[in-house]
Amino acid sequence: MKSVIRGAMFAVAGVLAFSAAAQAETLEVKVPFAFLVGSQKMPAGVYRIERDQSMPSSIVLIQGRHGNRAQLFVQTTPLIGASPATDKPSLVFVTDETAKRLVQVWEGSGAGQEVASGR
């Protein structure tokens, strides 16, 4: 926990596309570095992030694109407030002693999802 408090938070500005369907939200981002989601290591690359917005706490699919075969489902909980990148969709990472860790996914509308740590 101390490593998370000491870690620097920053958002990835590499948002390529964002769309909201009837019950699902999809975000496509380019992450220029390897990162952790829970205990799963994900390589740098383009990712599609999709969640079902009909559930207050939901499962998010993080899927590699363009030859990146990384894929995982992760539990999230809702966040309400100002997105770190104002009204733009963004991902928030925390840097700890070992790696950059995905901790939040923001749709850009003032609503986001906190990613379960899975440690």
C-alpha atoms as a PDB file:
ATOM      1  CA  MET A   1       0.000   0.000   0.000  1.00  0.00           C
ATOM      2  CA  LYS A   2       2.854   2.371   0.746  1.00  0.00           C
ATOM      3  CA  SER A   3       4.124   1.910  -2.800  1.00  0.00           C
ATOM      4  CA  VAL A   4       0.793   3.063  -4.205  1.00  0.00           C
ATOM      5  CA  ILE A   5       0.809   6.176  -2.007  1.00  0.00           C
ATOM      6  CA  ARG A   6       4.377   7.017  -3.046  1.00  0.00           C
ATOM      7  CA  GLY A   7       3.706   6.265  -6.726  1.00  0.00           C
ATOM      8  CA  ALA A   8       3.175   9.040  -9.206  1.00  0.00           C
ATOM      9  CA  MET A   9      -0.165   9.055 -10.992  1.00  0.00           C
ATOM     10  CA  PHE A  10      -0.498  10.003 -14.639  1.00  0.00           C
ATOM     11  CA  ALA A  11      -2.964   9.514 -17.472  1.00  0.00           C
ATOM     12  CA  VAL A  12      -2.339   8.169 -20.954  1.00  0.00           C
ATOM     13  CA  ALA A  13      -3.327  10.642 -23.644  1.00  0.00           C
ATOM     14  CA  GLY A  14      -3.199   8.071 -26.454  1.00  0.00           C
ATOM     15  CA  VAL A  15      -6.954   7.709 -26.844  1.00  0.00           C
ATOM     16  CA  LEU A  16      -7.709   6.635 -30.405  1.00  0.00           C
ATOM     17  CA  ALA A  17     -11.467   6.177 -30.327  1.00  0.00           C
ATOM     18  CA  PHE A  18     -14.383   6.134 -27.904  1.00  0.00           C
ATOM     19  CA  SER A  19     -17.923   4.992 -28.540  1.00  0.00           C
ATOM     20  CA  ALA A  20     -20.963   4.290 -26.422  1.00  0.00           C
ATOM     21  CA  ALA A  21     -23.356   1.601 -27.578  1.00  0.00           C
ATOM     22  CA  ALA A  22     -26.706   0.808 -25.976  1.00  0.00           C
ATOM     23  CA  GLN A  23     -25.336  -1.144 -23.018  1.00  0.00           C
ATOM     24  CA  ALA A  24     -21.576  -1.290 -23.603  1.00  0.00           C
ATOM     25  CA  GLU A  25     -18.851   1.318 -23.676  1.00  0.00           C
ATOM     26  CA  THR A  26     -15.732   0.817 -25.768  1.00  0.00           C
ATOM     27  CA  LEU A  27     -12.471   2.694 -25.524  1.00  0.00           C
ATOM     28  CA  GLU A  28      -9.435   2.105 -27.730  1.00  0.00           C
ATOM     29  CA  VAL A  29      -6.106   3.372 -26.405  1.00  0.00           C
ATOM     30  CA  LYS A  30      -2.429   3.187 -27.249  1.00  0.00           C
ATOM     31  CA  VAL A  31      -0.295   2.481 -24.194  1.00  0.00           C
ATOM     32  CA  PRO A  32       3.397   3.161 -24.986  1.00  0.00           C
ATOM     33  CA  PHE A  33       4.793   1.039 -22.113  1.00  0.00           C
ATOM     34  CA  ALA A  34       4.312  -2.350 -20.461  1.00  0.00           C
ATOM     35  CA  PHE A  35       2.006  -2.274 -17.442  1.00  0.00           C
ATOM     36  CA  LEU A  36       0.272  -4.439 -14.855  1.00  0.00           C
ATOM     37  CA  VAL A  37      -3.436  -5.061 -14.427  1.00  0.00           C
ATOM     38  CA  GLY A  38      -3.704  -6.771 -11.067  1.00  0.00           C
ATOM     39  CA  SER A  39      -0.872  -9.318 -11.285  1.00  0.00           C
ATOM     40  CA  GLN A  40      -1.108  -9.730 -15.083  1.00  0.00           C
ATOM     41  CA  LYS A  41       1.670  -8.094 -17.137  1.00  0.00           C
ATOM     42  CA  MET A  42       0.472  -6.462 -20.356  1.00  0.00           C
ATOM     43  CA  PRO A  43       2.864  -5.411 -23.146  1.00  0.00           C
ATOM     44  CA  ALA A  44       2.932  -1.935 -24.683  1.00  0.00           C
ATOM     45  CA  GLY A  45       0.461  -1.615 -27.540  1.00  0.00           C
ATOM     46  CA  VAL A  46      -3.052  -0.753 -28.614  1.00  0.00           C
ATOM     47  CA  TYR A  47      -5.879  -2.009 -26.400  1.00  0.00           C
ATOM     48  CA  ARG A  48      -9.649  -2.137 -26.637  1.00  0.00           C
ATOM     49  CA  ILE A  49     -11.344  -1.672 -23.270  1.00  0.00           C
ATOM     50  CA  GLU A  50     -15.003  -2.623 -23.073  1.00  0.00           C
ATOM     51  CA  ARG A  51     -17.476  -2.706 -20.189  1.00  0.00           C
ATOM     52  CA  ASP A  52     -21.164  -3.236 -19.679  1.00  0.00           C
ATOM     53  CA  GLN A  53     -22.488   0.048 -18.253  1.00  0.00           C
ATOM     54  CA  SER A  54     -25.777  -1.478 -17.102  1.00  0.00           C
ATOM     55  CA  MET A  55     -24.101  -2.836 -13.958  1.00  0.00           C
ATOM     56  CA  PRO A  56     -22.876  -0.580 -11.099  1.00  0.00           C
ATOM     57  CA  SER A  57     -19.898  -2.854 -10.503  1.00  0.00           C
ATOM     58  CA  SER A  58     -18.801  -4.622 -13.599  1.00  0.00           C
ATOM     59  CA  ILE A  59     -16.289  -6.725 -15.400  1.00  0.00           C
ATOM     60  CA  VAL A  60     -14.113  -4.917 -17.938  1.00  0.00           C
ATOM     61  CA  LEU A  61     -12.523  -6.673 -20.913  1.00  0.00           C
ATOM     62  CA  ILE A  62      -9.026  -5.436 -21.812  1.00  0.00           C
ATOM     63  CA  GLN A  63      -8.032  -6.859 -25.176  1.00  0.00           C
ATOM     64  CA  GLY A  64      -4.876  -6.282 -27.228  1.00  0.00           C
ATOM     65  CA  ARG A  65      -5.305  -5.116 -30.828  1.00  0.00           C
ATOM     66  CA  HIS A  66      -3.193  -5.190 -34.009  1.00  0.00           C
ATOM     67  CA  GLY A  67      -1.256  -8.395 -33.317  1.00  0.00           C
ATOM     68  CA  ASN A  68      -1.189  -7.950 -29.535  1.00  0.00           C
ATOM     69  CA  ARG A  69      -2.932 -11.076 -28.202  1.00  0.00           C
ATOM     70  CA  ALA A  70      -3.029 -10.011 -24.541  1.00  0.00           C
ATOM     71  CA  GLN A  71      -6.527 -10.278 -23.080  1.00  0.00           C
ATOM     72  CA  LEU A  72      -8.064 -10.323 -19.629  1.00  0.00           C
ATOM     73  CA  PHE A  73     -11.242  -9.630 -17.697  1.00  0.00           C
ATOM     74  CA  VAL A  74     -10.961  -7.465 -14.576  1.00  0.00           C
ATOM     75  CA  GLN A  75     -13.401  -6.494 -11.805  1.00  0.00           C
ATOM     76  CA  THR A  76     -14.033  -2.743 -11.422  1.00  0.00           C
ATOM     77  CA  THR A  77     -16.018  -0.443  -9.154  1.00  0.00           C
ATOM     78  CA  PRO A  78     -17.545   2.912 -10.147  1.00  0.00           C
ATOM     79  CA  LEU A  79     -15.886   6.284  -9.602  1.00  0.00           C
ATOM     80  CA  ILE A  80     -17.689   9.616  -9.832  1.00  0.00           C
ATOM     81  CA  GLY A  81     -15.943  12.940 -10.135  1.00  0.00           C
ATOM     82  CA  ALA A  82     -13.658  14.837 -12.439  1.00  0.00           C
ATOM     83  CA  SER A  83     -11.660  12.778 -14.907  1.00  0.00           C
ATOM     84  CA  PRO A  84      -7.901  13.411 -14.660  1.00  0.00           C
ATOM     85  CA  ALA A  85      -7.950  14.460 -18.327  1.00  0.00           C
ATOM     86  CA  THR A  86     -10.990  16.750 -17.952  1.00  0.00           C
ATOM     87  CA  ASP A  87     -13.710  15.486 -20.314  1.00  0.00           C
ATOM     88  CA  LYS A  88     -11.461  13.187 -22.347  1.00  0.00           C
ATOM     89  CA  PRO A  89     -11.374   9.416 -21.900  1.00  0.00           C
ATOM     90  CA  SER A  90      -8.201   8.375 -20.090  1.00  0.00           C
ATOM     91  CA  LEU A  91      -6.396   5.630 -18.224  1.00  0.00           C
ATOM     92  CA  VAL A  92      -4.683   6.317 -14.912  1.00  0.00           C
ATOM     93  CA  PHE A  93      -1.556   4.414 -13.904  1.00  0.00           C
ATOM     94  CA  VAL A  94       0.371   4.356 -10.638  1.00  0.00           C
ATOM     95  CA  THR A  95       4.111   3.762 -10.716  1.00  0.00           C
ATOM     96  CA  ASP A  96       5.390   1.594  -7.883  1.00  0.00           C
ATOM     97  CA  GLU A  97       8.760  -0.116  -7.278  1.00  0.00           C
ATOM     98  CA  THR A  98       8.213  -2.761  -9.940  1.00  0.00           C
ATOM     99  CA  ALA A  99       6.026  -1.380 -12.724  1.00  0.00           C
ATOM    100  CA  LYS A 100       3.296   0.936 -13.904  1.00  0.00           C
ATOM    101  CA  ARG A 101      -0.100  -0.359 -12.751  1.00  0.00           C
ATOM    102  CA  LEU A 102      -3.498   0.418 -14.323  1.00  0.00           C
ATOM    103  CA  VAL A 103      -5.738   1.725 -11.518  1.00  0.00           C
ATOM    104  CA  GLN A 104      -8.557   3.671 -13.236  1.00  0.00           C
ATOM    105  CA  VAL A 105     -10.422   3.866 -16.544  1.00  0.00           C
ATOM    106  CA  TRP A 106     -12.287   7.129 -17.242  1.00  0.00           C
ATOM    107  CA  GLU A 107     -14.881   7.446 -20.005  1.00  0.00           C
ATOM    108  CA  GLY A 108     -14.526  11.235 -19.977  1.00  0.00           C
ATOM    109  CA  SER A 109     -18.042  12.039 -18.828  1.00  0.00           C
ATOM    110  CA  GLY A 110     -17.165  12.394 -15.147  1.00  0.00           C
ATOM    111  CA  ALA A 111     -17.681   8.679 -14.612  1.00  0.00           C
ATOM    112  CA  GLY A 112     -14.908   6.147 -14.324  1.00  0.00           C
ATOM    113  CA  GLN A 113     -14.028   2.703 -13.069  1.00  0.00           C
ATOM    114  CA  GLU A 114     -11.484   1.737 -10.438  1.00  0.00           C
ATOM    115  CA  VAL A 115      -9.617  -1.422 -11.383  1.00  0.00           C
ATOM    116  CA  ALA A 116      -9.383  -4.105  -8.696  1.00  0.00           C
ATOM    117  CA  SER A 117      -5.770  -4.565  -7.610  1.00  0.00           C
ATOM    118  CA  GLY A 118      -5.830  -8.360  -7.743  1.00  0.00           C
ATOM    119  CA  ARG A 119      -2.621  -8.659  -5.720  1.00  0.00           C
END
